[in-house]
């Protein structure tokens, strides 16, 4: 994703659940637009802040990671198809 959450590049693996395709894109968009890893949303929800999950485009699952260069977000990547921790790696 670019800094505004616009899709720049997409690649998918075969033999993954169909939903994973859209989930990966949503994770990348959330990481780009909120400028933080999607793991942060999961941690906030787990700490008792369920309203976090209602933020527009927030995904409370690891796997969306912003890309920083020189301290600024230049885009983000997202992955889905295995566990959240594996997606984030």
N, C-alpha and C. Protein backbone atom coordinates (compact mmCIF):
# COMPACT_ATOMS: atom_id res chain seq x y z
N UNK A 1 0.83 -1.18 0.00
CA UNK A 1 0.00 0.00 0.00
C UNK A 1 0.87 1.24 0.00
N UNK A 2 0.33 2.30 -0.58
CA UNK A 2 1.02 3.58 -0.46
C UNK A 2 0.61 4.21 0.87
N UNK A 3 1.05 5.41 1.13
CA UNK A 3 0.78 6.04 2.42
C UNK A 3 -0.70 6.33 2.67
N UNK A 4 -1.50 6.33 1.62
CA UNK A 4 -2.93 6.60 1.74
C UNK A 4 -3.76 5.32 1.72
N UNK A 5 -3.10 4.17 1.71
CA UNK A 5 -3.82 2.90 1.70
C UNK A 5 -4.23 2.46 0.32
N UNK A 6 -3.63 3.02 -0.72
CA UNK A 6 -3.92 2.59 -2.09
C UNK A 6 -3.04 1.41 -2.47
N UNK A 7 -3.64 0.41 -3.08
CA UNK A 7 -2.91 -0.79 -3.47
C UNK A 7 -1.86 -0.48 -4.52
N UNK A 8 -0.63 -0.89 -4.25
CA UNK A 8 0.49 -0.68 -5.17
C UNK A 8 0.90 -2.00 -5.80
N UNK A 9 0.93 -3.07 -5.01
CA UNK A 9 1.36 -4.38 -5.50
C UNK A 9 0.61 -5.45 -4.73
N UNK A 10 0.27 -6.53 -5.43
CA UNK A 10 -0.46 -7.62 -4.80
C UNK A 10 0.06 -8.93 -5.35
N UNK A 11 0.29 -9.86 -4.46
CA UNK A 11 0.71 -11.20 -4.86
C UNK A 11 0.05 -12.19 -3.91
N UNK A 12 -0.33 -13.34 -4.43
CA UNK A 12 -0.99 -14.31 -3.56
C UNK A 12 -0.44 -15.71 -3.79
N UNK A 13 -0.53 -16.50 -2.75
CA UNK A 13 -0.13 -17.90 -2.82
C UNK A 13 -1.37 -18.74 -3.09
N UNK A 14 -1.19 -19.81 -3.78
CA UNK A 14 -2.30 -20.74 -4.01
C UNK A 14 -2.56 -21.53 -2.73
N UNK A 15 -3.70 -22.17 -2.68
CA UNK A 15 -4.07 -23.07 -1.58
C UNK A 15 -4.23 -22.37 -0.23
N UNK A 16 -4.64 -21.12 -0.22
CA UNK A 16 -4.97 -20.42 1.01
C UNK A 16 -6.47 -20.16 0.99
N UNK A 17 -7.03 -19.96 2.18
CA UNK A 17 -8.47 -19.68 2.21
C UNK A 17 -8.76 -18.41 1.42
N UNK A 18 -9.86 -18.38 0.76
CA UNK A 18 -10.22 -17.26 -0.09
C UNK A 18 -10.25 -15.95 0.69
N UNK A 19 -10.71 -15.97 1.92
CA UNK A 19 -10.79 -14.74 2.72
C UNK A 19 -9.43 -14.11 2.96
N UNK A 20 -8.37 -14.91 2.95
CA UNK A 20 -7.02 -14.38 3.22
C UNK A 20 -6.61 -13.31 2.23
N UNK A 21 -7.08 -13.38 1.00
CA UNK A 21 -6.72 -12.39 0.00
C UNK A 21 -7.17 -11.00 0.44
N UNK A 22 -8.44 -10.89 0.81
CA UNK A 22 -8.98 -9.59 1.24
C UNK A 22 -8.41 -9.16 2.59
N UNK A 23 -8.20 -10.12 3.49
CA UNK A 23 -7.69 -9.79 4.82
C UNK A 23 -6.30 -9.18 4.72
N UNK A 24 -5.43 -9.73 3.87
CA UNK A 24 -4.08 -9.19 3.70
C UNK A 24 -4.13 -7.74 3.22
N UNK A 25 -5.01 -7.45 2.29
CA UNK A 25 -5.15 -6.09 1.78
C UNK A 25 -5.67 -5.16 2.88
N UNK A 26 -6.64 -5.62 3.66
CA UNK A 26 -7.17 -4.78 4.74
C UNK A 26 -6.10 -4.51 5.80
N UNK A 27 -5.27 -5.52 6.12
CA UNK A 27 -4.21 -5.32 7.10
C UNK A 27 -3.20 -4.28 6.61
N UNK A 28 -2.81 -4.38 5.35
CA UNK A 28 -1.85 -3.41 4.81
C UNK A 28 -2.44 -2.01 4.80
N UNK A 29 -3.69 -1.89 4.43
CA UNK A 29 -4.33 -0.57 4.39
C UNK A 29 -4.41 0.04 5.79
N UNK A 30 -4.77 -0.76 6.78
CA UNK A 30 -4.84 -0.27 8.16
C UNK A 30 -3.47 0.17 8.65
N UNK A 31 -2.44 -0.61 8.36
CA UNK A 31 -1.08 -0.26 8.80
C UNK A 31 -0.61 1.03 8.15
N UNK A 32 -0.95 1.23 6.89
CA UNK A 32 -0.54 2.44 6.18
C UNK A 32 -1.29 3.67 6.68
N UNK A 33 -2.60 3.56 6.81
CA UNK A 33 -3.38 4.74 7.15
C UNK A 33 -3.28 5.12 8.62
N UNK A 34 -3.13 4.14 9.50
CA UNK A 34 -2.98 4.44 10.93
C UNK A 34 -1.51 4.53 11.34
N UNK A 35 -0.60 4.21 10.43
CA UNK A 35 0.84 4.33 10.65
C UNK A 35 1.34 3.55 11.87
N UNK A 36 0.79 2.33 12.01
CA UNK A 36 1.23 1.45 13.09
C UNK A 36 0.90 0.01 12.70
N UNK A 37 1.61 -0.95 13.28
CA UNK A 37 1.30 -2.35 12.98
C UNK A 37 -0.10 -2.71 13.46
N UNK A 38 -0.76 -3.59 12.75
CA UNK A 38 -2.11 -3.99 13.15
C UNK A 38 -2.12 -4.75 14.47
N UNK A 39 -0.97 -5.26 14.89
CA UNK A 39 -0.87 -5.92 16.20
C UNK A 39 -1.31 -4.96 17.32
N UNK A 40 -1.06 -3.66 17.14
CA UNK A 40 -1.44 -2.66 18.15
C UNK A 40 -2.94 -2.69 18.41
N UNK A 41 -3.74 -2.85 17.37
CA UNK A 41 -5.19 -2.89 17.53
C UNK A 41 -5.60 -4.12 18.34
N UNK A 42 -4.98 -5.26 18.05
CA UNK A 42 -5.28 -6.48 18.79
C UNK A 42 -4.93 -6.30 20.27
N UNK A 43 -3.77 -5.73 20.55
CA UNK A 43 -3.34 -5.54 21.93
C UNK A 43 -4.28 -4.60 22.68
N UNK A 44 -4.74 -3.55 22.03
CA UNK A 44 -5.68 -2.62 22.67
C UNK A 44 -7.01 -3.30 22.98
N UNK A 45 -7.51 -4.09 22.05
CA UNK A 45 -8.77 -4.82 22.27
C UNK A 45 -8.59 -5.80 23.42
N UNK A 46 -7.46 -6.52 23.43
CA UNK A 46 -7.19 -7.49 24.49
C UNK A 46 -7.03 -6.84 25.86
N UNK A 47 -6.62 -5.57 25.89
CA UNK A 47 -6.45 -4.85 27.16
C UNK A 47 -7.75 -4.21 27.63
N UNK A 48 -8.83 -4.43 26.91
CA UNK A 48 -10.11 -3.92 27.36
C UNK A 48 -10.59 -2.67 26.67
N UNK A 49 -10.09 -2.42 25.47
CA UNK A 49 -10.54 -1.26 24.71
C UNK A 49 -11.26 -1.72 23.44
N UNK A 50 -12.45 -2.33 23.59
CA UNK A 50 -13.15 -2.86 22.42
C UNK A 50 -13.55 -1.81 21.40
N UNK A 51 -13.66 -0.55 21.82
CA UNK A 51 -14.02 0.52 20.88
C UNK A 51 -12.96 0.66 19.79
N UNK A 52 -11.74 0.24 20.08
CA UNK A 52 -10.67 0.28 19.09
C UNK A 52 -11.06 -0.50 17.84
N UNK A 53 -11.75 -1.60 18.03
CA UNK A 53 -12.15 -2.45 16.91
C UNK A 53 -13.19 -1.80 16.02
N UNK A 54 -13.80 -0.70 16.49
CA UNK A 54 -14.81 -0.03 15.69
C UNK A 54 -14.25 1.12 14.86
N UNK A 55 -12.95 1.39 15.00
CA UNK A 55 -12.34 2.43 14.17
C UNK A 55 -12.44 2.04 12.71
N UNK A 56 -12.75 2.96 11.83
CA UNK A 56 -12.89 2.62 10.41
C UNK A 56 -11.61 2.01 9.84
N UNK A 57 -11.71 0.79 9.34
CA UNK A 57 -10.58 0.13 8.71
C UNK A 57 -9.58 -0.51 9.65
N UNK A 58 -9.82 -0.44 10.96
CA UNK A 58 -8.90 -1.07 11.91
C UNK A 58 -9.07 -2.58 11.85
N UNK A 59 -7.95 -3.30 11.85
CA UNK A 59 -7.95 -4.76 11.84
C UNK A 59 -7.19 -5.22 13.07
N UNK A 60 -7.88 -5.88 13.99
CA UNK A 60 -7.26 -6.31 15.24
C UNK A 60 -6.62 -7.69 15.08
N UNK A 61 -5.66 -7.78 14.18
CA UNK A 61 -4.96 -9.04 13.91
C UNK A 61 -3.57 -8.72 13.37
N UNK A 62 -2.53 -9.36 13.89
CA UNK A 62 -1.18 -9.11 13.38
C UNK A 62 -1.06 -9.47 11.90
N UNK A 63 -0.15 -8.79 11.22
CA UNK A 63 0.09 -9.10 9.81
C UNK A 63 0.12 -7.88 8.92
N UNK A 64 -0.26 -6.72 9.45
CA UNK A 64 -0.14 -5.46 8.72
C UNK A 64 0.98 -4.65 9.34
N UNK A 65 1.97 -4.26 8.52
CA UNK A 65 3.15 -3.57 9.05
C UNK A 65 3.48 -2.36 8.18
N UNK A 66 3.58 -1.18 8.80
CA UNK A 66 3.98 0.00 8.01
C UNK A 66 5.46 -0.08 7.65
N UNK A 67 5.83 0.56 6.56
CA UNK A 67 7.23 0.63 6.12
C UNK A 67 7.71 2.05 6.40
N UNK A 68 8.75 2.16 7.22
CA UNK A 68 9.31 3.46 7.58
C UNK A 68 10.64 3.69 6.88
N UNK A 69 10.84 4.89 6.37
CA UNK A 69 12.13 5.32 5.83
C UNK A 69 12.36 6.73 6.37
N UNK A 70 13.49 6.92 7.03
CA UNK A 70 13.79 8.23 7.59
C UNK A 70 12.77 8.70 8.60
N UNK A 71 12.16 7.77 9.33
CA UNK A 71 11.17 8.12 10.33
C UNK A 71 9.78 8.40 9.80
N UNK A 72 9.58 8.27 8.49
CA UNK A 72 8.27 8.52 7.89
C UNK A 72 7.74 7.25 7.25
N UNK A 73 6.42 7.10 7.31
CA UNK A 73 5.78 5.95 6.67
C UNK A 73 5.73 6.19 5.17
N UNK A 74 6.26 5.24 4.41
CA UNK A 74 6.21 5.35 2.95
C UNK A 74 5.25 4.34 2.33
N UNK A 75 4.64 3.50 3.17
CA UNK A 75 3.70 2.50 2.70
C UNK A 75 3.54 1.42 3.75
N UNK A 76 3.00 0.27 3.35
CA UNK A 76 2.78 -0.82 4.28
C UNK A 76 2.63 -2.13 3.52
N UNK A 77 2.84 -3.21 4.24
CA UNK A 77 2.62 -4.55 3.68
C UNK A 77 1.63 -5.28 4.58
N UNK A 78 0.94 -6.24 4.01
CA UNK A 78 0.01 -7.05 4.77
C UNK A 78 0.08 -8.49 4.31
N UNK A 79 -0.10 -9.40 5.25
CA UNK A 79 -0.09 -10.83 4.92
C UNK A 79 -1.18 -11.53 5.71
N UNK A 80 -1.74 -12.58 5.13
CA UNK A 80 -2.75 -13.38 5.79
C UNK A 80 -2.70 -14.78 5.18
N UNK A 81 -2.96 -15.77 5.99
CA UNK A 81 -3.01 -17.13 5.47
C UNK A 81 -2.49 -18.16 6.46
N UNK A 82 -1.73 -17.72 7.46
CA UNK A 82 -1.27 -18.60 8.51
C UNK A 82 -1.65 -17.95 9.85
N UNK A 83 -0.91 -18.15 10.92
CA UNK A 83 -1.25 -17.47 12.16
C UNK A 83 -0.89 -16.00 12.06
N UNK A 84 -1.47 -15.17 12.92
CA UNK A 84 -1.16 -13.74 12.89
C UNK A 84 0.32 -13.48 13.11
N UNK A 85 0.94 -14.20 14.03
CA UNK A 85 2.37 -14.02 14.27
C UNK A 85 3.19 -14.37 13.03
N UNK A 86 2.80 -15.43 12.35
CA UNK A 86 3.51 -15.80 11.11
C UNK A 86 3.25 -14.80 10.00
N UNK A 87 2.03 -14.30 9.91
CA UNK A 87 1.71 -13.26 8.92
C UNK A 87 2.60 -12.04 9.14
N UNK A 88 2.76 -11.66 10.40
CA UNK A 88 3.55 -10.47 10.71
C UNK A 88 5.03 -10.66 10.35
N UNK A 89 5.54 -11.85 10.53
CA UNK A 89 6.95 -12.12 10.17
C UNK A 89 7.13 -11.93 8.68
